[in-house]
Structures are given as structure tokens and as C-alpha cells.
N, C-alpha and C. Protein backbone atom coordinates (compact mmCIF):
# COMPACT_ATOMS: atom_id res chain seq x y z
N MET A 1 166.37 -38.54 55.33
CA MET A 1 166.26 -37.92 54.02
C MET A 1 167.46 -38.30 53.18
N LEU A 2 167.25 -38.42 51.91
CA LEU A 2 168.34 -38.75 51.00
C LEU A 2 169.26 -37.56 50.83
N ILE A 3 170.52 -37.83 50.70
CA ILE A 3 171.48 -36.76 50.50
C ILE A 3 171.44 -36.35 49.04
N PRO A 4 171.17 -35.07 48.75
CA PRO A 4 171.11 -34.65 47.36
C PRO A 4 172.50 -34.67 46.73
N PRO A 5 172.58 -34.79 45.42
CA PRO A 5 173.88 -34.81 44.75
C PRO A 5 174.56 -33.45 44.85
N GLU A 6 175.82 -33.42 44.53
CA GLU A 6 176.59 -32.19 44.60
C GLU A 6 176.07 -31.13 43.62
N GLU A 7 175.46 -31.59 42.57
CA GLU A 7 174.95 -30.66 41.55
C GLU A 7 173.58 -30.11 41.91
N ALA A 8 173.03 -30.49 43.04
CA ALA A 8 171.66 -30.14 43.38
C ALA A 8 171.38 -28.64 43.38
N PRO A 9 172.20 -27.80 44.01
CA PRO A 9 171.87 -26.36 44.00
C PRO A 9 171.81 -25.79 42.58
N ALA A 10 172.73 -26.21 41.74
CA ALA A 10 172.73 -25.70 40.36
C ALA A 10 171.49 -26.18 39.60
N LEU A 11 171.09 -27.43 39.82
CA LEU A 11 169.90 -27.96 39.14
C LEU A 11 168.64 -27.21 39.58
N VAL A 12 168.52 -26.97 40.88
CA VAL A 12 167.33 -26.29 41.40
C VAL A 12 167.31 -24.84 40.91
N MET A 13 168.47 -24.16 40.96
CA MET A 13 168.52 -22.77 40.49
C MET A 13 168.17 -22.66 39.02
N GLU A 14 168.67 -23.59 38.22
CA GLU A 14 168.35 -23.59 36.79
C GLU A 14 166.85 -23.74 36.56
N PHE A 15 166.22 -24.65 37.31
CA PHE A 15 164.78 -24.85 37.20
C PHE A 15 164.02 -23.60 37.61
N LEU A 16 164.42 -22.98 38.73
CA LEU A 16 163.73 -21.80 39.23
C LEU A 16 163.90 -20.60 38.31
N GLU A 17 165.08 -20.44 37.72
CA GLU A 17 165.30 -19.32 36.80
C GLU A 17 164.39 -19.42 35.58
N ARG A 18 164.11 -20.65 35.15
CA ARG A 18 163.18 -20.83 34.03
C ARG A 18 161.74 -20.65 34.46
N SER A 19 161.43 -20.94 35.72
CA SER A 19 160.04 -20.96 36.19
C SER A 19 159.52 -19.63 36.71
N ILE A 20 160.35 -18.88 37.42
CA ILE A 20 159.90 -17.65 38.06
C ILE A 20 160.06 -16.49 37.10
N ARG A 21 158.95 -15.90 36.73
CA ARG A 21 158.98 -14.76 35.82
C ARG A 21 158.58 -13.48 36.55
N ALA A 22 157.40 -13.47 37.14
CA ALA A 22 156.90 -12.28 37.82
C ALA A 22 157.07 -12.44 39.33
N VAL A 23 157.39 -11.33 39.97
CA VAL A 23 157.57 -11.32 41.42
C VAL A 23 156.48 -10.44 42.01
N GLY A 24 155.72 -11.01 42.92
CA GLY A 24 154.64 -10.26 43.56
C GLY A 24 154.64 -10.45 45.06
N LEU A 25 153.77 -9.72 45.71
CA LEU A 25 153.69 -9.75 47.16
C LEU A 25 153.37 -11.14 47.68
N GLN A 26 152.41 -11.82 47.08
CA GLN A 26 152.02 -13.15 47.56
C GLN A 26 153.16 -14.15 47.44
N LEU A 27 153.93 -14.07 46.36
CA LEU A 27 155.07 -14.97 46.18
C LEU A 27 156.12 -14.72 47.26
N ILE A 28 156.42 -13.47 47.51
CA ILE A 28 157.44 -13.14 48.51
C ILE A 28 157.01 -13.60 49.90
N ILE A 29 155.76 -13.35 50.24
CA ILE A 29 155.26 -13.75 51.56
C ILE A 29 155.26 -15.27 51.71
N SER A 30 154.83 -15.99 50.68
CA SER A 30 154.78 -17.45 50.78
C SER A 30 156.18 -18.05 50.85
N VAL A 31 157.13 -17.49 50.11
CA VAL A 31 158.51 -17.99 50.19
C VAL A 31 159.08 -17.75 51.58
N ARG A 32 158.84 -16.56 52.12
CA ARG A 32 159.33 -16.24 53.47
C ARG A 32 158.72 -17.18 54.51
N ARG A 33 157.42 -17.39 54.46
CA ARG A 33 156.77 -18.27 55.43
C ARG A 33 157.30 -19.70 55.36
N ARG A 34 157.45 -20.19 54.15
CA ARG A 34 157.91 -21.56 53.99
C ARG A 34 159.37 -21.71 54.44
N ALA A 35 160.19 -20.71 54.14
CA ALA A 35 161.59 -20.76 54.57
C ALA A 35 161.70 -20.73 56.08
N ILE A 36 160.89 -19.91 56.73
CA ILE A 36 160.90 -19.86 58.20
C ILE A 36 160.42 -21.19 58.76
N ARG A 37 159.36 -21.74 58.19
CA ARG A 37 158.79 -23.00 58.68
C ARG A 37 159.79 -24.16 58.56
N LEU A 38 160.58 -24.16 57.48
CA LEU A 38 161.54 -25.25 57.28
C LEU A 38 162.90 -24.98 57.93
N GLY A 39 163.07 -23.80 58.48
CA GLY A 39 164.31 -23.49 59.18
C GLY A 39 165.47 -23.09 58.30
N VAL A 40 165.21 -22.67 57.09
CA VAL A 40 166.30 -22.25 56.19
C VAL A 40 166.35 -20.74 56.00
N TRP A 41 165.46 -20.01 56.65
CA TRP A 41 165.40 -18.56 56.48
C TRP A 41 166.71 -17.91 56.90
N TRP A 42 167.34 -18.41 57.95
CA TRP A 42 168.57 -17.80 58.46
C TRP A 42 169.79 -18.20 57.64
N ARG A 43 169.64 -19.10 56.70
CA ARG A 43 170.74 -19.47 55.80
C ARG A 43 170.77 -18.59 54.56
N VAL A 44 169.71 -17.84 54.33
CA VAL A 44 169.67 -16.91 53.20
C VAL A 44 170.63 -15.76 53.52
N ASP A 45 171.31 -15.26 52.49
CA ASP A 45 172.23 -14.13 52.65
C ASP A 45 171.52 -12.98 53.37
N PRO A 46 172.14 -12.40 54.40
CA PRO A 46 171.47 -11.35 55.19
C PRO A 46 170.99 -10.16 54.36
N LEU A 47 171.76 -9.75 53.36
CA LEU A 47 171.32 -8.63 52.52
C LEU A 47 170.07 -9.00 51.71
N ARG A 48 170.04 -10.19 51.19
CA ARG A 48 168.87 -10.63 50.43
C ARG A 48 167.68 -10.85 51.34
N ARG A 49 167.93 -11.35 52.54
CA ARG A 49 166.85 -11.52 53.50
C ARG A 49 166.25 -10.16 53.87
N GLY A 50 167.11 -9.17 54.06
CA GLY A 50 166.64 -7.82 54.35
C GLY A 50 165.88 -7.23 53.18
N LEU A 51 166.34 -7.51 51.96
CA LEU A 51 165.63 -7.03 50.77
C LEU A 51 164.23 -7.62 50.70
N LEU A 52 164.10 -8.91 51.01
CA LEU A 52 162.78 -9.55 50.99
C LEU A 52 161.87 -8.96 52.07
N GLU A 53 162.42 -8.75 53.26
CA GLU A 53 161.62 -8.16 54.34
C GLU A 53 161.17 -6.74 53.98
N ALA A 54 162.09 -5.94 53.45
CA ALA A 54 161.75 -4.56 53.10
C ALA A 54 160.76 -4.51 51.94
N SER A 55 160.90 -5.43 50.99
CA SER A 55 159.99 -5.41 49.85
C SER A 55 158.57 -5.81 50.26
N ILE A 56 158.45 -6.67 51.26
CA ILE A 56 157.11 -7.02 51.75
C ILE A 56 156.42 -5.77 52.29
N GLN A 57 157.13 -5.01 53.12
CA GLN A 57 156.56 -3.79 53.68
C GLN A 57 156.27 -2.76 52.58
N TYR A 58 157.16 -2.64 51.63
CA TYR A 58 157.01 -1.69 50.53
C TYR A 58 155.77 -2.01 49.69
N LEU A 59 155.60 -3.29 49.36
CA LEU A 59 154.47 -3.70 48.52
C LEU A 59 153.16 -3.68 49.29
N ARG A 60 153.20 -3.92 50.59
CA ARG A 60 151.97 -3.85 51.39
C ARG A 60 151.40 -2.44 51.45
N ARG A 61 152.24 -1.45 51.30
CA ARG A 61 151.78 -0.06 51.30
C ARG A 61 151.13 0.34 49.98
N GLY A 62 151.13 -0.56 49.04
CA GLY A 62 150.49 -0.27 47.76
C GLY A 62 151.45 0.28 46.72
N LEU A 63 152.72 0.34 47.04
CA LEU A 63 153.71 0.83 46.10
C LEU A 63 154.18 -0.31 45.22
N ARG A 64 154.95 0.01 44.18
CA ARG A 64 155.45 -1.04 43.31
C ARG A 64 156.86 -0.71 42.85
N PHE A 65 157.58 -1.72 42.45
CA PHE A 65 158.94 -1.56 41.96
C PHE A 65 158.89 -1.22 40.47
N ARG A 66 159.63 -0.21 40.09
CA ARG A 66 159.70 0.16 38.68
C ARG A 66 161.07 -0.12 38.08
N SER A 67 162.06 -0.14 38.91
CA SER A 67 163.43 -0.34 38.45
C SER A 67 163.65 -1.79 38.03
N PRO A 68 164.13 -2.02 36.82
CA PRO A 68 164.42 -3.39 36.39
C PRO A 68 165.53 -4.02 37.24
N ARG A 69 166.48 -3.22 37.68
CA ARG A 69 167.57 -3.74 38.51
C ARG A 69 167.04 -4.19 39.88
N ALA A 70 166.14 -3.40 40.47
CA ALA A 70 165.57 -3.78 41.76
C ALA A 70 164.75 -5.06 41.63
N LEU A 71 164.00 -5.17 40.54
CA LEU A 71 163.23 -6.40 40.32
C LEU A 71 164.14 -7.60 40.12
N ALA A 72 165.26 -7.40 39.42
CA ALA A 72 166.21 -8.50 39.21
C ALA A 72 166.83 -8.93 40.54
N MET A 73 167.17 -7.97 41.39
CA MET A 73 167.73 -8.30 42.70
C MET A 73 166.71 -9.04 43.55
N LEU A 74 165.47 -8.61 43.49
CA LEU A 74 164.40 -9.27 44.25
C LEU A 74 164.18 -10.69 43.75
N ARG A 75 164.21 -10.86 42.45
CA ARG A 75 164.04 -12.19 41.85
C ARG A 75 165.19 -13.12 42.27
N GLU A 76 166.42 -12.59 42.28
CA GLU A 76 167.56 -13.40 42.72
C GLU A 76 167.44 -13.80 44.19
N ALA A 77 166.94 -12.89 45.02
CA ALA A 77 166.76 -13.21 46.43
C ALA A 77 165.71 -14.30 46.61
N ILE A 78 164.64 -14.23 45.84
CA ILE A 78 163.59 -15.25 45.92
C ILE A 78 164.12 -16.60 45.44
N ILE A 79 164.91 -16.58 44.38
CA ILE A 79 165.48 -17.83 43.85
C ILE A 79 166.42 -18.45 44.89
N GLU A 80 167.22 -17.63 45.57
CA GLU A 80 168.11 -18.18 46.59
C GLU A 80 167.32 -18.81 47.73
N ALA A 81 166.30 -18.11 48.22
CA ALA A 81 165.49 -18.64 49.32
C ALA A 81 164.76 -19.91 48.89
N LEU A 82 164.17 -19.90 47.70
CA LEU A 82 163.45 -21.09 47.21
C LEU A 82 164.39 -22.26 46.96
N THR A 83 165.62 -21.98 46.55
CA THR A 83 166.59 -23.06 46.36
C THR A 83 166.84 -23.77 47.67
N LEU A 84 167.04 -23.00 48.73
CA LEU A 84 167.26 -23.62 50.04
C LEU A 84 166.03 -24.39 50.52
N VAL A 85 164.84 -23.87 50.22
CA VAL A 85 163.60 -24.54 50.62
C VAL A 85 163.42 -25.84 49.85
N LEU A 86 163.58 -25.77 48.54
CA LEU A 86 163.30 -26.95 47.70
C LEU A 86 164.39 -28.01 47.78
N MET A 87 165.58 -27.63 48.23
CA MET A 87 166.64 -28.64 48.40
C MET A 87 166.27 -29.62 49.51
N ARG A 88 165.38 -29.25 50.40
CA ARG A 88 164.97 -30.13 51.49
C ARG A 88 163.89 -31.11 51.05
N SER A 89 163.31 -30.92 49.89
CA SER A 89 162.24 -31.79 49.40
C SER A 89 162.81 -32.90 48.53
N THR A 90 162.75 -34.12 49.02
CA THR A 90 163.26 -35.26 48.27
C THR A 90 162.47 -35.45 46.98
N ARG A 91 161.18 -35.26 47.06
CA ARG A 91 160.33 -35.44 45.88
C ARG A 91 160.67 -34.44 44.78
N PHE A 92 160.90 -33.19 45.16
CA PHE A 92 161.25 -32.18 44.16
C PHE A 92 162.62 -32.47 43.56
N MET A 93 163.58 -32.87 44.40
CA MET A 93 164.91 -33.21 43.89
C MET A 93 164.82 -34.39 42.93
N ALA A 94 163.98 -35.37 43.27
CA ALA A 94 163.81 -36.52 42.39
C ALA A 94 163.20 -36.09 41.06
N PHE A 95 162.25 -35.14 41.10
CA PHE A 95 161.65 -34.64 39.86
C PHE A 95 162.69 -33.94 38.99
N ILE A 96 163.52 -33.10 39.59
CA ILE A 96 164.54 -32.37 38.83
C ILE A 96 165.54 -33.35 38.21
N ILE A 97 166.01 -34.30 38.99
CA ILE A 97 167.00 -35.26 38.49
C ILE A 97 166.37 -36.17 37.44
N GLY A 98 165.13 -36.61 37.67
CA GLY A 98 164.44 -37.44 36.68
C GLY A 98 164.21 -36.72 35.37
N SER A 99 163.88 -35.43 35.44
CA SER A 99 163.69 -34.67 34.19
C SER A 99 165.01 -34.49 33.46
N ARG A 100 166.10 -34.33 34.21
CA ARG A 100 167.41 -34.21 33.57
C ARG A 100 167.80 -35.52 32.87
N ILE A 101 167.52 -36.65 33.51
CA ILE A 101 167.83 -37.95 32.92
C ILE A 101 166.95 -38.19 31.69
N ALA A 102 165.66 -37.85 31.79
CA ALA A 102 164.76 -38.04 30.64
C ALA A 102 165.18 -37.16 29.47
N ARG A 103 165.63 -35.95 29.76
CA ARG A 103 166.09 -35.05 28.70
C ARG A 103 167.35 -35.60 28.03
N ALA A 104 168.22 -36.24 28.84
CA ALA A 104 169.44 -36.82 28.28
C ALA A 104 169.13 -37.96 27.31
N PHE A 105 168.05 -38.72 27.59
CA PHE A 105 167.66 -39.80 26.71
C PHE A 105 166.68 -39.36 25.63
N GLY A 106 166.24 -38.12 25.68
CA GLY A 106 165.32 -37.61 24.67
C GLY A 106 163.92 -38.18 24.79
N ARG A 107 163.49 -38.46 25.99
CA ARG A 107 162.18 -39.05 26.20
C ARG A 107 161.27 -38.08 26.94
N VAL A 108 159.99 -38.19 26.65
CA VAL A 108 158.97 -37.44 27.37
C VAL A 108 158.15 -38.44 28.17
N VAL A 109 158.16 -38.26 29.49
CA VAL A 109 157.46 -39.21 30.36
C VAL A 109 156.59 -38.44 31.35
N ARG A 110 155.74 -39.17 32.06
CA ARG A 110 154.86 -38.55 33.05
C ARG A 110 155.65 -38.12 34.28
N VAL A 111 155.05 -37.25 35.06
CA VAL A 111 155.70 -36.72 36.26
C VAL A 111 155.99 -37.84 37.25
N ALA A 112 155.06 -38.77 37.42
CA ALA A 112 155.27 -39.87 38.37
C ALA A 112 156.48 -40.70 37.97
N GLU A 113 156.66 -40.91 36.67
CA GLU A 113 157.82 -41.67 36.21
C GLU A 113 159.11 -40.89 36.40
N LEU A 114 159.05 -39.56 36.22
CA LEU A 114 160.24 -38.74 36.45
C LEU A 114 160.67 -38.83 37.91
N ILE A 115 159.70 -38.79 38.81
CA ILE A 115 160.01 -38.87 40.24
C ILE A 115 160.59 -40.25 40.58
N ALA A 116 160.03 -41.29 39.99
CA ALA A 116 160.53 -42.65 40.25
C ALA A 116 161.97 -42.81 39.77
N VAL A 117 162.26 -42.30 38.58
CA VAL A 117 163.62 -42.39 38.05
C VAL A 117 164.58 -41.56 38.91
N GLY A 118 164.13 -40.39 39.34
CA GLY A 118 164.97 -39.55 40.18
C GLY A 118 165.26 -40.20 41.53
N ILE A 119 164.26 -40.84 42.13
CA ILE A 119 164.48 -41.53 43.41
C ILE A 119 165.42 -42.71 43.22
N GLN A 120 165.29 -43.41 42.10
CA GLN A 120 166.21 -44.51 41.84
C GLN A 120 167.65 -43.99 41.72
N TRP A 121 167.82 -42.86 41.06
CA TRP A 121 169.16 -42.28 40.90
C TRP A 121 169.71 -41.85 42.26
N LEU A 122 168.86 -41.22 43.09
CA LEU A 122 169.30 -40.78 44.42
C LEU A 122 169.65 -41.95 45.32
N ASN A 123 168.97 -43.08 45.16
CA ASN A 123 169.23 -44.26 45.99
C ASN A 123 170.42 -45.07 45.53
N THR A 124 170.90 -44.81 44.33
CA THR A 124 172.06 -45.52 43.82
C THR A 124 173.32 -45.01 44.53
N PRO A 125 174.21 -45.89 44.96
CA PRO A 125 175.45 -45.44 45.59
C PRO A 125 176.24 -44.52 44.63
N PRO A 126 176.91 -43.52 45.18
CA PRO A 126 177.59 -42.52 44.33
C PRO A 126 178.59 -43.11 43.33
N GLU A 127 179.26 -44.21 43.69
CA GLU A 127 180.25 -44.75 42.75
C GLU A 127 179.60 -45.43 41.54
N TYR A 128 178.30 -45.75 41.63
CA TYR A 128 177.61 -46.39 40.51
C TYR A 128 176.68 -45.46 39.75
N ARG A 129 176.56 -44.22 40.20
CA ARG A 129 175.64 -43.28 39.56
C ARG A 129 176.12 -42.85 38.18
N ALA A 130 175.16 -42.66 37.30
CA ALA A 130 175.47 -42.07 36.01
C ALA A 130 175.70 -40.57 36.22
N VAL A 131 176.59 -39.99 35.45
CA VAL A 131 176.90 -38.57 35.58
C VAL A 131 175.78 -37.76 34.91
N LEU A 132 175.31 -36.74 35.62
CA LEU A 132 174.28 -35.85 35.05
C LEU A 132 174.99 -34.75 34.29
N ASN A 133 175.03 -34.89 33.00
CA ASN A 133 175.63 -33.84 32.17
C ASN A 133 174.64 -32.73 31.95
N GLY A 134 175.08 -31.64 31.36
CA GLY A 134 174.21 -30.51 31.08
C GLY A 134 173.28 -30.81 29.93
N ALA A 135 172.52 -31.87 30.03
CA ALA A 135 171.61 -32.28 28.95
C ALA A 135 170.50 -31.28 28.78
């Protein structure tokens, strides 16, 4: 697997913060299953892991979260777990990096082209890589 750049966690978290709006039982269960399957579940902060486990049981009983703070904490826990999961996907990392490069040049391109540009950037030796600014 290609080694992701040093900025990878920040790029993935930024993408997830824009993408994840609502938190539900199915999302929590699928994130947990995928994290366990990929072996990153135990790298999640123990308090956040416990929050995810407890929220699954809480929501399965038919209850719901009303506190905005509790929902924000749950969303942060999901973002942390998904960041660890998606960091293992070369294709997703290539998409994130390709979209950042396309945004820097002000271009709109297809997803396949974003992935190709991202893979090219990942395959470039670090001393020759262009710097990914906060474009």
C-alpha cells in the first residue's frame, strides 16, 4: 500500500466533517463493523469507542439522543473511527488528494480523473511532490 502523506488525517477529517450531517443507528453499526474488519477498531480512543458501543445499545432500544452536545460527541467519535478506516483506502486517499489539487487549479474534473491525479501525487517521491496548501 502507498504511504499516505503527513497531511492525510487532516484531509480525511476535513472531508468527513463536511460529509457527515446526521448520525443514526445504521451509520454507527456500519462504521463499527468496518473498523473491526480492517483492524483499526482498537486504535480508536477508548472513551469514544465506549460511546459508540453504548450508543448502539441505546438506539437499539428505540431511544434517541436529544442533547446537541451528545450528538456532537457521537459525531466526533464516528469521524475519528471513519478517519482511521478511510486512511487505509488508497483509492479514497487518492480521491481526497486529487480533489485538493483540482481545487488548487480551479478545475472541475470527473472522479476517475481525480483518483488518477491523486495516485500520481502519491507515487511521486516526497522530495518532488507539490505542496498541498489549504486550497
